[in-house]
Amino acid sequence: MKNYFTLKQFSLLYDHYVFVDVPEYYADQLFIRHQVTVRFGREYQHPDHPYVVIFCKVRKRDRSRFLSALDELNRKMLLCGYPGYEKFCASLLAKMNARLLRKKRGMLKR
């Protein structure tokens, strides 16, 4: 299950991502274990959900280790008592994809 979204932003050195975590920042432990340096940006949390949406950038050479850490994050969330994590991620990604699709259609009509 995918818990991140890749942002299309030009950079020679970095890939930009948005991923879903919790206020305890379980992903940080996984990034340390996978030896990935992550530069964090803005964070957003909806008051009705226990999840945090985090913007970040990762060096392109660390992409595979970063994605491996996020893959482990799915399992960690289930083990740590967040059974709604996968459903929240799927919902968020569906909304973001729908918005991008609407935006592309609007650009094509012009």
N, C-alpha and C. Protein backbone atom coordinates (compact mmCIF):
# COMPACT_ATOMS: atom_id res chain seq x y z
N MET A 1 0.84 -1.17 0.00
CA MET A 1 0.00 0.00 0.00
C MET A 1 0.89 1.24 0.00
N LYS A 2 0.54 2.18 -0.82
CA LYS A 2 1.35 3.39 -0.97
C LYS A 2 0.94 4.43 0.07
N ASN A 3 1.93 4.96 0.78
CA ASN A 3 1.66 5.96 1.82
C ASN A 3 2.41 7.27 1.55
N TYR A 4 2.76 7.47 0.29
CA TYR A 4 3.47 8.69 -0.08
C TYR A 4 3.02 9.15 -1.47
N PHE A 5 3.36 10.36 -1.78
CA PHE A 5 3.03 10.96 -3.06
C PHE A 5 4.29 11.68 -3.54
N THR A 6 4.69 11.46 -4.77
CA THR A 6 5.87 12.11 -5.32
C THR A 6 5.46 13.45 -5.92
N LEU A 7 6.17 14.49 -5.56
CA LEU A 7 5.88 15.82 -6.09
C LEU A 7 6.75 16.07 -7.32
N LYS A 8 6.16 16.66 -8.33
CA LYS A 8 6.89 17.01 -9.54
C LYS A 8 7.51 18.39 -9.35
N GLN A 9 8.74 18.40 -8.93
CA GLN A 9 9.45 19.65 -8.68
C GLN A 9 10.88 19.47 -9.19
N PHE A 10 11.34 20.39 -10.02
CA PHE A 10 12.66 20.25 -10.61
C PHE A 10 13.75 20.45 -9.56
N SER A 11 14.67 19.50 -9.53
CA SER A 11 15.84 19.60 -8.68
C SER A 11 16.89 18.63 -9.21
N LEU A 12 18.12 19.07 -9.27
CA LEU A 12 19.19 18.18 -9.72
C LEU A 12 19.57 17.15 -8.66
N LEU A 13 19.44 17.52 -7.39
CA LEU A 13 19.92 16.66 -6.31
C LEU A 13 18.82 15.94 -5.53
N TYR A 14 17.61 16.49 -5.49
CA TYR A 14 16.58 15.99 -4.57
C TYR A 14 15.33 15.51 -5.30
N ASP A 15 14.68 14.53 -4.68
CA ASP A 15 13.31 14.14 -5.01
C ASP A 15 12.43 14.68 -3.89
N HIS A 16 11.25 15.16 -4.24
CA HIS A 16 10.34 15.75 -3.26
C HIS A 16 9.15 14.82 -3.05
N TYR A 17 8.77 14.66 -1.79
CA TYR A 17 7.70 13.72 -1.43
C TYR A 17 6.76 14.35 -0.39
N VAL A 18 5.59 13.73 -0.32
CA VAL A 18 4.64 13.97 0.76
C VAL A 18 4.33 12.58 1.30
N PHE A 19 4.44 12.39 2.61
CA PHE A 19 4.10 11.10 3.19
C PHE A 19 3.27 11.29 4.45
N VAL A 20 2.67 10.20 4.90
CA VAL A 20 1.77 10.24 6.05
C VAL A 20 2.45 9.55 7.23
N ASP A 21 2.44 10.22 8.37
CA ASP A 21 3.03 9.69 9.60
C ASP A 21 2.05 9.98 10.74
N VAL A 22 2.48 9.77 11.96
CA VAL A 22 1.69 10.08 13.14
C VAL A 22 2.46 11.09 14.00
N PRO A 23 1.81 11.73 14.97
CA PRO A 23 2.52 12.72 15.79
C PRO A 23 3.74 12.18 16.54
N GLU A 24 3.82 10.88 16.73
CA GLU A 24 4.99 10.29 17.39
C GLU A 24 6.17 10.13 16.42
N TYR A 25 5.97 10.41 15.15
CA TYR A 25 7.00 10.37 14.11
C TYR A 25 7.72 9.01 14.04
N TYR A 26 6.95 7.96 13.79
CA TYR A 26 7.51 6.63 13.66
C TYR A 26 8.44 6.52 12.46
N ALA A 27 8.21 7.30 11.42
CA ALA A 27 9.05 7.22 10.22
C ALA A 27 10.49 7.63 10.53
N ASP A 28 10.69 8.54 11.47
CA ASP A 28 12.05 9.00 11.79
C ASP A 28 12.94 7.83 12.22
N GLN A 29 12.40 6.93 13.02
CA GLN A 29 13.18 5.78 13.47
C GLN A 29 13.58 4.90 12.28
N LEU A 30 12.67 4.77 11.32
CA LEU A 30 12.95 3.95 10.15
C LEU A 30 13.98 4.62 9.24
N PHE A 31 13.92 5.93 9.12
CA PHE A 31 14.91 6.64 8.30
C PHE A 31 16.30 6.48 8.90
N ILE A 32 16.38 6.52 10.22
CA ILE A 32 17.67 6.34 10.88
C ILE A 32 18.18 4.92 10.64
N ARG A 33 17.30 3.94 10.77
CA ARG A 33 17.69 2.54 10.57
C ARG A 33 18.18 2.30 9.13
N HIS A 34 17.53 2.96 8.16
CA HIS A 34 17.89 2.80 6.75
C HIS A 34 18.99 3.79 6.31
N GLN A 35 19.46 4.58 7.25
CA GLN A 35 20.52 5.56 7.00
C GLN A 35 20.18 6.51 5.85
N VAL A 36 19.01 7.12 5.98
CA VAL A 36 18.54 8.08 4.98
C VAL A 36 18.45 9.46 5.63
N THR A 37 19.02 10.46 4.97
CA THR A 37 18.89 11.82 5.44
C THR A 37 17.67 12.44 4.75
N VAL A 38 16.73 12.90 5.54
CA VAL A 38 15.50 13.49 5.03
C VAL A 38 15.44 14.94 5.49
N ARG A 39 15.18 15.82 4.56
CA ARG A 39 15.01 17.23 4.90
C ARG A 39 13.51 17.51 4.93
N PHE A 40 13.02 17.80 6.13
CA PHE A 40 11.59 17.96 6.32
C PHE A 40 11.14 19.38 6.03
N GLY A 41 9.93 19.48 5.53
CA GLY A 41 9.32 20.77 5.25
C GLY A 41 8.09 20.96 6.12
N ARG A 42 7.03 21.42 5.52
CA ARG A 42 5.80 21.70 6.25
C ARG A 42 5.10 20.41 6.68
N GLU A 43 4.29 20.55 7.72
CA GLU A 43 3.47 19.43 8.23
C GLU A 43 2.04 19.93 8.40
N TYR A 44 1.11 19.03 8.14
CA TYR A 44 -0.30 19.35 8.31
C TYR A 44 -1.00 18.20 9.02
N GLN A 45 -1.90 18.56 9.93
CA GLN A 45 -2.68 17.54 10.62
C GLN A 45 -4.12 18.00 10.68
N HIS A 46 -5.02 17.11 10.26
CA HIS A 46 -6.45 17.39 10.35
C HIS A 46 -6.88 17.13 11.79
N PRO A 47 -7.69 18.01 12.37
CA PRO A 47 -8.06 17.83 13.78
C PRO A 47 -8.86 16.55 14.07
N ASP A 48 -9.48 15.97 13.03
CA ASP A 48 -10.29 14.77 13.24
C ASP A 48 -9.53 13.47 13.02
N HIS A 49 -8.28 13.55 12.59
CA HIS A 49 -7.50 12.34 12.30
C HIS A 49 -6.17 12.39 13.05
N PRO A 50 -5.67 11.23 13.46
CA PRO A 50 -4.40 11.20 14.20
C PRO A 50 -3.17 11.15 13.30
N TYR A 51 -3.32 11.51 12.03
CA TYR A 51 -2.21 11.40 11.09
C TYR A 51 -1.68 12.76 10.68
N VAL A 52 -0.38 12.79 10.37
CA VAL A 52 0.30 14.01 9.97
C VAL A 52 0.78 13.83 8.53
N VAL A 53 0.49 14.81 7.69
CA VAL A 53 0.97 14.81 6.31
C VAL A 53 2.22 15.67 6.28
N ILE A 54 3.34 15.09 5.83
CA ILE A 54 4.64 15.75 5.91
C ILE A 54 5.25 15.91 4.52
N PHE A 55 5.70 17.11 4.23
CA PHE A 55 6.43 17.39 2.99
C PHE A 55 7.92 17.25 3.29
N CYS A 56 8.66 16.65 2.35
CA CYS A 56 10.09 16.48 2.57
C CYS A 56 10.82 16.37 1.24
N LYS A 57 12.14 16.39 1.35
CA LYS A 57 12.97 16.11 0.17
C LYS A 57 14.09 15.18 0.59
N VAL A 58 14.48 14.33 -0.38
CA VAL A 58 15.47 13.29 -0.15
C VAL A 58 16.44 13.32 -1.33
N ARG A 59 17.69 13.14 -1.06
CA ARG A 59 18.67 13.10 -2.16
C ARG A 59 18.32 11.95 -3.10
N LYS A 60 18.46 12.19 -4.37
CA LYS A 60 18.10 11.18 -5.37
C LYS A 60 18.84 9.87 -5.16
N ARG A 61 20.07 9.93 -4.70
CA ARG A 61 20.83 8.70 -4.49
C ARG A 61 20.29 7.87 -3.33
N ASP A 62 19.47 8.48 -2.44
CA ASP A 62 18.88 7.78 -1.29
C ASP A 62 17.44 7.35 -1.52
N ARG A 63 16.95 7.51 -2.73
CA ARG A 63 15.54 7.24 -3.05
C ARG A 63 15.12 5.82 -2.65
N SER A 64 15.89 4.81 -3.02
CA SER A 64 15.47 3.43 -2.74
C SER A 64 15.42 3.14 -1.24
N ARG A 65 16.37 3.66 -0.49
CA ARG A 65 16.35 3.45 0.97
C ARG A 65 15.18 4.19 1.61
N PHE A 66 14.87 5.37 1.12
CA PHE A 66 13.73 6.14 1.62
C PHE A 66 12.42 5.38 1.39
N LEU A 67 12.25 4.87 0.17
CA LEU A 67 11.02 4.14 -0.15
C LEU A 67 10.92 2.82 0.62
N SER A 68 12.05 2.20 0.90
CA SER A 68 12.04 0.97 1.73
C SER A 68 11.59 1.29 3.14
N ALA A 69 12.05 2.41 3.67
CA ALA A 69 11.64 2.82 5.02
C ALA A 69 10.14 3.10 5.05
N LEU A 70 9.61 3.76 4.02
CA LEU A 70 8.17 4.04 3.99
C LEU A 70 7.36 2.75 3.84
N ASP A 71 7.91 1.77 3.15
CA ASP A 71 7.23 0.47 3.03
C ASP A 71 7.12 -0.20 4.41
N GLU A 72 8.17 -0.10 5.20
CA GLU A 72 8.14 -0.65 6.56
C GLU A 72 7.17 0.13 7.46
N LEU A 73 6.99 1.40 7.16
CA LEU A 73 6.11 2.24 7.98
C LEU A 73 4.68 1.71 7.97
N ASN A 74 4.23 1.16 6.85
CA ASN A 74 2.88 0.58 6.79
C ASN A 74 2.70 -0.50 7.85
N ARG A 75 3.66 -1.41 7.94
CA ARG A 75 3.57 -2.51 8.92
C ARG A 75 3.68 -1.98 10.35
N LYS A 76 4.55 -1.00 10.54
CA LYS A 76 4.75 -0.45 11.88
C LYS A 76 3.47 0.21 12.41
N MET A 77 2.75 0.88 11.53
CA MET A 77 1.50 1.54 11.95
C MET A 77 0.48 0.52 12.45
N LEU A 78 0.39 -0.60 11.77
CA LEU A 78 -0.54 -1.64 12.22
C LEU A 78 -0.12 -2.21 13.58
N LEU A 79 1.17 -2.43 13.74
CA LEU A 79 1.67 -2.98 14.99
C LEU A 79 1.54 -2.01 16.16
N CYS A 80 1.59 -0.73 15.88
CA CYS A 80 1.55 0.29 16.94
C CYS A 80 0.14 0.82 17.21
N GLY A 81 -0.86 0.19 16.64
CA GLY A 81 -2.24 0.54 17.00
C GLY A 81 -2.90 1.59 16.13
N TYR A 82 -2.53 1.68 14.87
CA TYR A 82 -3.18 2.60 13.94
C TYR A 82 -3.79 1.81 12.78
N PRO A 83 -4.89 1.09 13.04
CA PRO A 83 -5.48 0.25 12.00
C PRO A 83 -6.10 1.04 10.84
N GLY A 84 -6.40 2.31 11.04
CA GLY A 84 -7.00 3.11 9.97
C GLY A 84 -5.99 3.79 9.08
N TYR A 85 -4.71 3.50 9.28
CA TYR A 85 -3.64 4.16 8.53
C TYR A 85 -3.75 3.91 7.02
N GLU A 86 -3.90 2.66 6.63
CA GLU A 86 -3.97 2.33 5.21
C GLU A 86 -5.19 2.97 4.55
N LYS A 87 -6.31 2.96 5.24
CA LYS A 87 -7.52 3.56 4.69
C LYS A 87 -7.35 5.07 4.53
N PHE A 88 -6.73 5.71 5.52
CA PHE A 88 -6.49 7.15 5.44
C PHE A 88 -5.56 7.48 4.27
N CYS A 89 -4.49 6.72 4.11
CA CYS A 89 -3.54 6.95 3.02
C CYS A 89 -4.22 6.77 1.66
N ALA A 90 -4.98 5.70 1.53
CA ALA A 90 -5.68 5.45 0.26
C ALA A 90 -6.64 6.59 -0.05
N SER A 91 -7.35 7.07 0.95
CA SER A 91 -8.29 8.17 0.76
C SER A 91 -7.56 9.45 0.36
N LEU A 92 -6.48 9.76 1.05
CA LEU A 92 -5.71 10.97 0.75
C LEU A 92 -5.13 10.92 -0.66
N LEU A 93 -4.55 9.80 -1.04
CA LEU A 93 -3.96 9.68 -2.37
C LEU A 93 -5.03 9.75 -3.46
N ALA A 94 -6.20 9.17 -3.20
CA ALA A 94 -7.29 9.24 -4.17
C ALA A 94 -7.74 10.69 -4.37
N LYS A 95 -7.83 11.44 -3.27
CA LYS A 95 -8.22 12.85 -3.37
C LYS A 95 -7.17 13.66 -4.13
N MET A 96 -5.90 13.39 -3.86
CA MET A 96 -4.84 14.14 -4.55
C MET A 96 -4.81 13.79 -6.04
N ASN A 97 -4.99 12.53 -6.37
CA ASN A 97 -5.01 12.13 -7.77
C ASN A 97 -6.21 12.71 -8.50
N ALA A 98 -7.36 12.74 -7.84
CA ALA A 98 -8.55 13.32 -8.45
C ALA A 98 -8.36 14.81 -8.70
N ARG A 99 -7.73 15.48 -7.75
CA ARG A 99 -7.48 16.92 -7.93
C ARG A 99 -6.53 17.17 -9.09
N LEU A 100 -5.48 16.36 -9.20
CA LEU A 100 -4.54 16.51 -10.31
C LEU A 100 -5.21 16.24 -11.64
N LEU A 101 -6.09 15.25 -11.68
CA LEU A 101 -6.81 14.93 -12.90
C LEU A 101 -7.71 16.09 -13.31
N ARG A 102 -8.42 16.68 -12.34
CA ARG A 102 -9.28 17.84 -12.64
C ARG A 102 -8.43 19.00 -13.15
N LYS A 103 -7.27 19.18 -12.54
CA LYS A 103 -6.39 20.28 -12.95
C LYS A 103 -5.89 20.07 -14.38
N LYS A 104 -5.52 18.84 -14.73
CA LYS A 104 -5.07 18.55 -16.08
C LYS A 104 -6.18 18.74 -17.09
N ARG A 105 -7.39 18.33 -16.75
CA ARG A 105 -8.52 18.52 -17.66
C ARG A 105 -8.78 20.00 -17.87
N GLY A 106 -8.68 20.78 -16.82
CA GLY A 106 -8.88 22.22 -16.93
C GLY A 106 -7.83 22.86 -17.83
N MET A 107 -6.61 22.35 -17.77
CA MET A 107 -5.55 22.89 -18.63
C MET A 107 -5.78 22.50 -20.09
N LEU A 108 -6.32 21.31 -20.32
CA LEU A 108 -6.55 20.86 -21.69
C LEU A 108 -7.69 21.62 -22.35
N LYS A 109 -8.66 22.07 -21.60
CA LYS A 109 -9.82 22.76 -22.17
C LYS A 109 -9.48 24.15 -22.66
N ARG A 110 -8.43 24.72 -22.12
CA ARG A 110 -8.08 26.10 -22.48
C ARG A 110 -7.52 26.19 -23.83
